[in-house]
């Protein structure tokens, strides 16, 4: 999903002069893919709060991105972002449960 969203949507936005500088600050290569997906996936009131913060240059500009993306791009962004976020949260939860020893009492199926 990461590669597909990057190739289909973000590549198009990088080539457009109106959106090229609105993708957010890129810490490492490819980080703008996640920033664009975040801007297209989060509710409007959250992106408005992020835009008003002093760190707004770190985030992609959702208003501009909505102008230059179609419905398919937004659906792909939401699917990618929420699967990506869910996987990260599940990994953190599993690590916490393992640290607490929850999996020590489960016997293997042999």
N, C-alpha and C. Protein backbone atom coordinates (compact mmCIF):
# COMPACT_ATOMS: atom_id res chain seq x y z
N UNK A 1 0.83 -1.19 0.00
CA UNK A 1 0.00 0.00 0.00
C UNK A 1 0.88 1.26 0.00
N UNK A 2 1.98 1.19 0.74
CA UNK A 2 2.90 2.33 0.82
C UNK A 2 3.43 2.68 -0.58
N UNK A 3 3.90 1.68 -1.28
CA UNK A 3 4.47 1.90 -2.61
C UNK A 3 3.39 2.32 -3.59
N UNK A 4 2.23 1.68 -3.53
CA UNK A 4 1.14 2.01 -4.45
C UNK A 4 0.68 3.45 -4.24
N UNK A 5 0.47 3.85 -3.00
CA UNK A 5 0.05 5.22 -2.72
C UNK A 5 1.13 6.22 -3.15
N UNK A 6 2.38 5.89 -2.89
CA UNK A 6 3.47 6.77 -3.29
C UNK A 6 3.56 6.94 -4.80
N UNK A 7 3.40 5.85 -5.53
CA UNK A 7 3.52 5.90 -6.99
C UNK A 7 2.30 6.53 -7.65
N UNK A 8 1.13 6.27 -7.11
CA UNK A 8 -0.09 6.75 -7.75
C UNK A 8 -0.39 8.21 -7.39
N UNK A 9 -0.35 8.53 -6.12
CA UNK A 9 -0.81 9.85 -5.67
C UNK A 9 0.32 10.82 -5.39
N UNK A 10 1.26 10.44 -4.56
CA UNK A 10 2.29 11.38 -4.12
C UNK A 10 3.21 11.77 -5.27
N UNK A 11 3.47 10.86 -6.15
CA UNK A 11 4.30 11.18 -7.31
C UNK A 11 3.67 12.29 -8.14
N UNK A 12 2.34 12.20 -8.31
CA UNK A 12 1.60 13.23 -9.05
C UNK A 12 1.67 14.58 -8.32
N UNK A 13 1.58 14.55 -6.99
CA UNK A 13 1.62 15.78 -6.20
C UNK A 13 3.01 16.40 -6.18
N UNK A 14 4.05 15.57 -6.23
CA UNK A 14 5.42 16.09 -6.26
C UNK A 14 5.71 16.83 -7.56
N UNK A 15 5.13 16.37 -8.65
CA UNK A 15 5.37 16.98 -9.96
C UNK A 15 4.59 18.27 -10.16
N UNK A 16 3.51 18.46 -9.40
CA UNK A 16 2.68 19.64 -9.54
C UNK A 16 3.33 20.81 -8.78
N UNK A 17 3.61 21.93 -9.48
CA UNK A 17 4.25 23.07 -8.80
C UNK A 17 3.41 23.67 -7.67
N UNK A 18 2.09 23.55 -7.75
CA UNK A 18 1.22 24.12 -6.72
C UNK A 18 1.25 23.31 -5.42
N UNK A 19 1.58 22.03 -5.52
CA UNK A 19 1.55 21.17 -4.32
C UNK A 19 2.94 20.71 -3.88
N UNK A 20 3.94 20.95 -4.69
CA UNK A 20 5.28 20.45 -4.40
C UNK A 20 5.80 20.90 -3.04
N UNK A 21 5.52 22.12 -2.64
CA UNK A 21 6.00 22.65 -1.37
C UNK A 21 4.99 22.50 -0.23
N UNK A 22 3.89 21.83 -0.47
CA UNK A 22 2.83 21.69 0.53
C UNK A 22 2.75 20.29 1.12
N UNK A 23 3.76 19.47 0.89
CA UNK A 23 3.73 18.07 1.33
C UNK A 23 4.31 17.86 2.73
N UNK A 24 4.72 18.90 3.39
CA UNK A 24 5.28 18.77 4.74
C UNK A 24 6.78 18.56 4.71
N UNK A 25 7.40 18.76 5.86
CA UNK A 25 8.85 18.61 5.99
C UNK A 25 9.20 17.13 5.92
N UNK A 26 10.19 16.79 5.13
CA UNK A 26 10.58 15.40 4.92
C UNK A 26 11.85 15.11 5.72
N UNK A 27 11.71 14.39 6.84
CA UNK A 27 12.86 14.01 7.67
C UNK A 27 13.76 13.03 6.94
N UNK A 28 13.15 12.02 6.36
CA UNK A 28 13.87 11.01 5.58
C UNK A 28 13.13 10.83 4.27
N UNK A 29 13.79 10.23 3.31
CA UNK A 29 13.19 10.02 2.01
C UNK A 29 11.93 9.16 2.13
N UNK A 30 10.85 9.61 1.53
CA UNK A 30 9.60 8.88 1.55
C UNK A 30 8.67 9.26 2.68
N UNK A 31 9.13 10.10 3.59
CA UNK A 31 8.30 10.49 4.73
C UNK A 31 7.10 11.32 4.28
N UNK A 32 7.23 12.01 3.15
CA UNK A 32 6.12 12.81 2.66
C UNK A 32 4.93 11.94 2.24
N UNK A 33 5.17 10.70 1.91
CA UNK A 33 4.07 9.78 1.57
C UNK A 33 3.16 9.61 2.78
N UNK A 34 3.76 9.43 3.95
CA UNK A 34 2.97 9.26 5.17
C UNK A 34 2.30 10.58 5.54
N UNK A 35 2.97 11.70 5.36
CA UNK A 35 2.39 13.00 5.68
C UNK A 35 1.18 13.31 4.80
N UNK A 36 1.26 12.99 3.52
CA UNK A 36 0.14 13.22 2.61
C UNK A 36 -1.03 12.31 2.99
N UNK A 37 -0.75 11.05 3.26
CA UNK A 37 -1.81 10.12 3.66
C UNK A 37 -2.47 10.60 4.96
N UNK A 38 -1.67 11.10 5.89
CA UNK A 38 -2.20 11.62 7.15
C UNK A 38 -3.10 12.81 6.90
N UNK A 39 -2.68 13.73 6.06
CA UNK A 39 -3.47 14.93 5.77
C UNK A 39 -4.80 14.57 5.10
N UNK A 40 -4.80 13.56 4.25
CA UNK A 40 -6.02 13.17 3.55
C UNK A 40 -6.91 12.26 4.38
N UNK A 41 -6.40 11.72 5.50
CA UNK A 41 -7.15 10.75 6.29
C UNK A 41 -7.72 11.30 7.58
N UNK A 42 -7.03 12.22 8.20
CA UNK A 42 -7.49 12.75 9.49
C UNK A 42 -8.71 13.64 9.29
N UNK A 43 -9.57 13.72 10.31
CA UNK A 43 -10.74 14.62 10.23
C UNK A 43 -10.30 16.07 10.05
N UNK A 44 -11.17 16.85 9.45
CA UNK A 44 -10.87 18.24 9.11
C UNK A 44 -10.51 19.08 10.33
N UNK A 45 -11.18 18.87 11.47
CA UNK A 45 -10.89 19.70 12.65
C UNK A 45 -9.47 19.44 13.17
N UNK A 46 -8.95 18.24 13.00
CA UNK A 46 -7.58 17.94 13.43
C UNK A 46 -6.58 18.61 12.49
N UNK A 47 -6.81 18.51 11.19
CA UNK A 47 -5.88 19.14 10.25
C UNK A 47 -5.91 20.66 10.37
N UNK A 48 -7.08 21.23 10.74
CA UNK A 48 -7.15 22.68 10.98
C UNK A 48 -6.33 23.06 12.20
N UNK A 49 -6.37 22.26 13.26
CA UNK A 49 -5.56 22.52 14.46
C UNK A 49 -4.07 22.41 14.14
N UNK A 50 -3.69 21.40 13.36
CA UNK A 50 -2.29 21.24 12.99
C UNK A 50 -1.80 22.42 12.16
N UNK A 51 -2.67 22.94 11.31
CA UNK A 51 -2.30 24.08 10.45
C UNK A 51 -2.06 25.34 11.26
N UNK A 52 -2.74 25.49 12.41
CA UNK A 52 -2.60 26.68 13.24
C UNK A 52 -1.44 26.59 14.23
N UNK A 53 -0.86 25.41 14.39
CA UNK A 53 0.20 25.24 15.37
C UNK A 53 1.52 25.84 14.87
N UNK A 54 2.45 26.11 15.78
CA UNK A 54 3.76 26.64 15.36
C UNK A 54 4.57 25.63 14.54
N UNK A 55 4.22 24.36 14.64
CA UNK A 55 4.93 23.32 13.89
C UNK A 55 4.20 22.94 12.60
N UNK A 56 3.40 23.84 12.07
CA UNK A 56 2.58 23.53 10.90
C UNK A 56 3.41 23.17 9.66
N UNK A 57 4.64 23.63 9.58
CA UNK A 57 5.46 23.31 8.41
C UNK A 57 5.86 21.84 8.37
N UNK A 58 5.71 21.13 9.48
CA UNK A 58 6.02 19.70 9.50
C UNK A 58 4.93 18.86 8.87
N UNK A 59 3.73 19.40 8.74
CA UNK A 59 2.58 18.66 8.26
C UNK A 59 2.19 19.10 6.86
N UNK A 60 1.58 18.19 6.11
CA UNK A 60 1.10 18.52 4.77
C UNK A 60 -0.14 19.40 4.86
N UNK A 61 -0.33 20.25 3.88
CA UNK A 61 -1.48 21.16 3.85
C UNK A 61 -2.68 20.43 3.25
N UNK A 62 -3.63 20.07 4.10
CA UNK A 62 -4.77 19.25 3.68
C UNK A 62 -5.67 19.98 2.68
N UNK A 63 -5.87 21.28 2.86
CA UNK A 63 -6.75 22.02 1.95
C UNK A 63 -6.24 21.98 0.52
N UNK A 64 -4.97 22.22 0.34
CA UNK A 64 -4.39 22.21 -1.00
C UNK A 64 -4.42 20.79 -1.58
N UNK A 65 -4.14 19.81 -0.75
CA UNK A 65 -4.12 18.43 -1.23
C UNK A 65 -5.51 17.96 -1.66
N UNK A 66 -6.55 18.39 -0.96
CA UNK A 66 -7.91 18.02 -1.36
C UNK A 66 -8.27 18.61 -2.71
N UNK A 67 -7.73 19.77 -3.04
CA UNK A 67 -8.00 20.38 -4.35
C UNK A 67 -7.39 19.58 -5.50
N UNK A 68 -6.22 18.98 -5.26
CA UNK A 68 -5.48 18.33 -6.34
C UNK A 68 -5.52 16.80 -6.30
N UNK A 69 -6.41 16.23 -5.51
CA UNK A 69 -6.58 14.78 -5.49
C UNK A 69 -8.02 14.43 -5.83
N UNK A 70 -8.21 13.24 -6.37
CA UNK A 70 -9.56 12.79 -6.69
C UNK A 70 -10.05 11.82 -5.61
N UNK A 71 -11.24 11.32 -5.79
CA UNK A 71 -11.87 10.43 -4.80
C UNK A 71 -11.05 9.16 -4.59
N UNK A 72 -10.53 8.58 -5.67
CA UNK A 72 -9.73 7.36 -5.56
C UNK A 72 -8.47 7.60 -4.73
N UNK A 73 -7.81 8.73 -4.95
CA UNK A 73 -6.61 9.08 -4.18
C UNK A 73 -6.91 9.16 -2.69
N UNK A 74 -8.05 9.75 -2.34
CA UNK A 74 -8.42 9.90 -0.94
C UNK A 74 -8.77 8.56 -0.30
N UNK A 75 -9.46 7.71 -1.05
CA UNK A 75 -9.80 6.37 -0.52
C UNK A 75 -8.52 5.56 -0.31
N UNK A 76 -7.61 5.62 -1.26
CA UNK A 76 -6.33 4.92 -1.15
C UNK A 76 -5.53 5.45 0.03
N UNK A 77 -5.54 6.77 0.23
CA UNK A 77 -4.83 7.38 1.35
C UNK A 77 -5.40 6.90 2.68
N UNK A 78 -6.71 6.88 2.81
CA UNK A 78 -7.33 6.43 4.06
C UNK A 78 -7.04 4.97 4.34
N UNK A 79 -7.16 4.14 3.31
CA UNK A 79 -6.88 2.72 3.50
C UNK A 79 -5.43 2.51 3.94
N UNK A 80 -4.49 3.15 3.26
CA UNK A 80 -3.08 3.01 3.61
C UNK A 80 -2.80 3.54 5.00
N UNK A 81 -3.25 4.76 5.30
CA UNK A 81 -2.89 5.39 6.57
C UNK A 81 -3.45 4.62 7.76
N UNK A 82 -4.70 4.20 7.70
CA UNK A 82 -5.29 3.53 8.86
C UNK A 82 -4.76 2.11 9.02
N UNK A 83 -4.43 1.43 7.91
CA UNK A 83 -3.77 0.13 8.04
C UNK A 83 -2.37 0.28 8.62
N UNK A 84 -1.65 1.29 8.17
CA UNK A 84 -0.30 1.58 8.66
C UNK A 84 -0.32 1.93 10.15
N UNK A 85 -1.25 2.80 10.53
CA UNK A 85 -1.38 3.20 11.93
C UNK A 85 -1.83 2.04 12.79
N UNK A 86 -2.79 1.28 12.31
CA UNK A 86 -3.28 0.12 13.07
C UNK A 86 -2.20 -0.92 13.29
N UNK A 87 -1.40 -1.16 12.27
CA UNK A 87 -0.31 -2.13 12.41
C UNK A 87 0.72 -1.66 13.44
N UNK A 88 1.03 -0.37 13.43
CA UNK A 88 1.98 0.17 14.40
C UNK A 88 1.44 0.09 15.82
N UNK A 89 0.17 0.42 15.99
CA UNK A 89 -0.43 0.34 17.33
C UNK A 89 -0.53 -1.11 17.81
N UNK A 90 -0.86 -2.03 16.90
CA UNK A 90 -0.93 -3.44 17.26
C UNK A 90 0.44 -3.97 17.67
N UNK A 91 1.48 -3.54 16.97
CA UNK A 91 2.84 -3.95 17.32
C UNK A 91 3.21 -3.44 18.72
N UNK A 92 2.89 -2.18 19.00
CA UNK A 92 3.19 -1.62 20.32
C UNK A 92 2.39 -2.33 21.41
N UNK A 93 1.13 -2.65 21.15
CA UNK A 93 0.31 -3.35 22.12
C UNK A 93 0.84 -4.76 22.38
N UNK A 94 1.23 -5.47 21.33
CA UNK A 94 1.78 -6.82 21.49
C UNK A 94 3.10 -6.78 22.28
N UNK A 95 3.92 -5.79 22.03
CA UNK A 95 5.17 -5.66 22.78
C UNK A 95 4.90 -5.39 24.25
N UNK A 96 3.92 -4.54 24.54
CA UNK A 96 3.55 -4.25 25.93
C UNK A 96 3.00 -5.50 26.62
N UNK A 97 2.12 -6.23 25.94
CA UNK A 97 1.56 -7.45 26.53
C UNK A 97 2.63 -8.51 26.74
N UNK A 98 3.61 -8.59 25.84
CA UNK A 98 4.71 -9.54 26.02
C UNK A 98 5.59 -9.15 27.20
N UNK A 99 5.82 -7.84 27.36
CA UNK A 99 6.60 -7.35 28.49
C UNK A 99 5.90 -7.65 29.82
N UNK A 100 4.60 -7.56 29.81
CA UNK A 100 3.82 -7.85 31.02
C UNK A 100 3.71 -9.35 31.30
N UNK A 101 4.15 -10.18 30.36
CA UNK A 101 4.19 -11.63 30.56
C UNK A 101 2.90 -12.34 30.19
N UNK A 102 2.05 -11.73 29.42
CA UNK A 102 0.79 -12.35 29.03
C UNK A 102 1.00 -13.61 28.21
N UNK A 103 2.01 -13.63 27.38
CA UNK A 103 2.21 -14.76 26.49
C UNK A 103 3.04 -15.88 27.11
N UNK A 104 3.46 -15.72 28.36
CA UNK A 104 4.25 -16.76 29.03
C UNK A 104 3.41 -17.98 29.39
N UNK A 105 2.12 -17.81 29.52
CA UNK A 105 1.25 -18.89 29.98
C UNK A 105 0.52 -19.61 28.85
N UNK A 106 0.78 -19.21 27.63
CA UNK A 106 0.14 -19.85 26.50
C UNK A 106 1.01 -21.02 26.05
N UNK A 107 0.42 -22.21 26.01
CA UNK A 107 1.17 -23.40 25.61
C UNK A 107 1.10 -23.58 24.11
N UNK A 108 2.19 -24.03 23.49
CA UNK A 108 2.19 -24.23 22.04
C UNK A 108 1.31 -25.41 21.65
N UNK A 109 0.79 -25.35 20.44
CA UNK A 109 -0.04 -26.44 19.90
C UNK A 109 0.86 -27.46 19.23
N UNK A 110 1.23 -28.52 19.94
CA UNK A 110 2.07 -29.58 19.34
C UNK A 110 1.43 -30.93 19.48
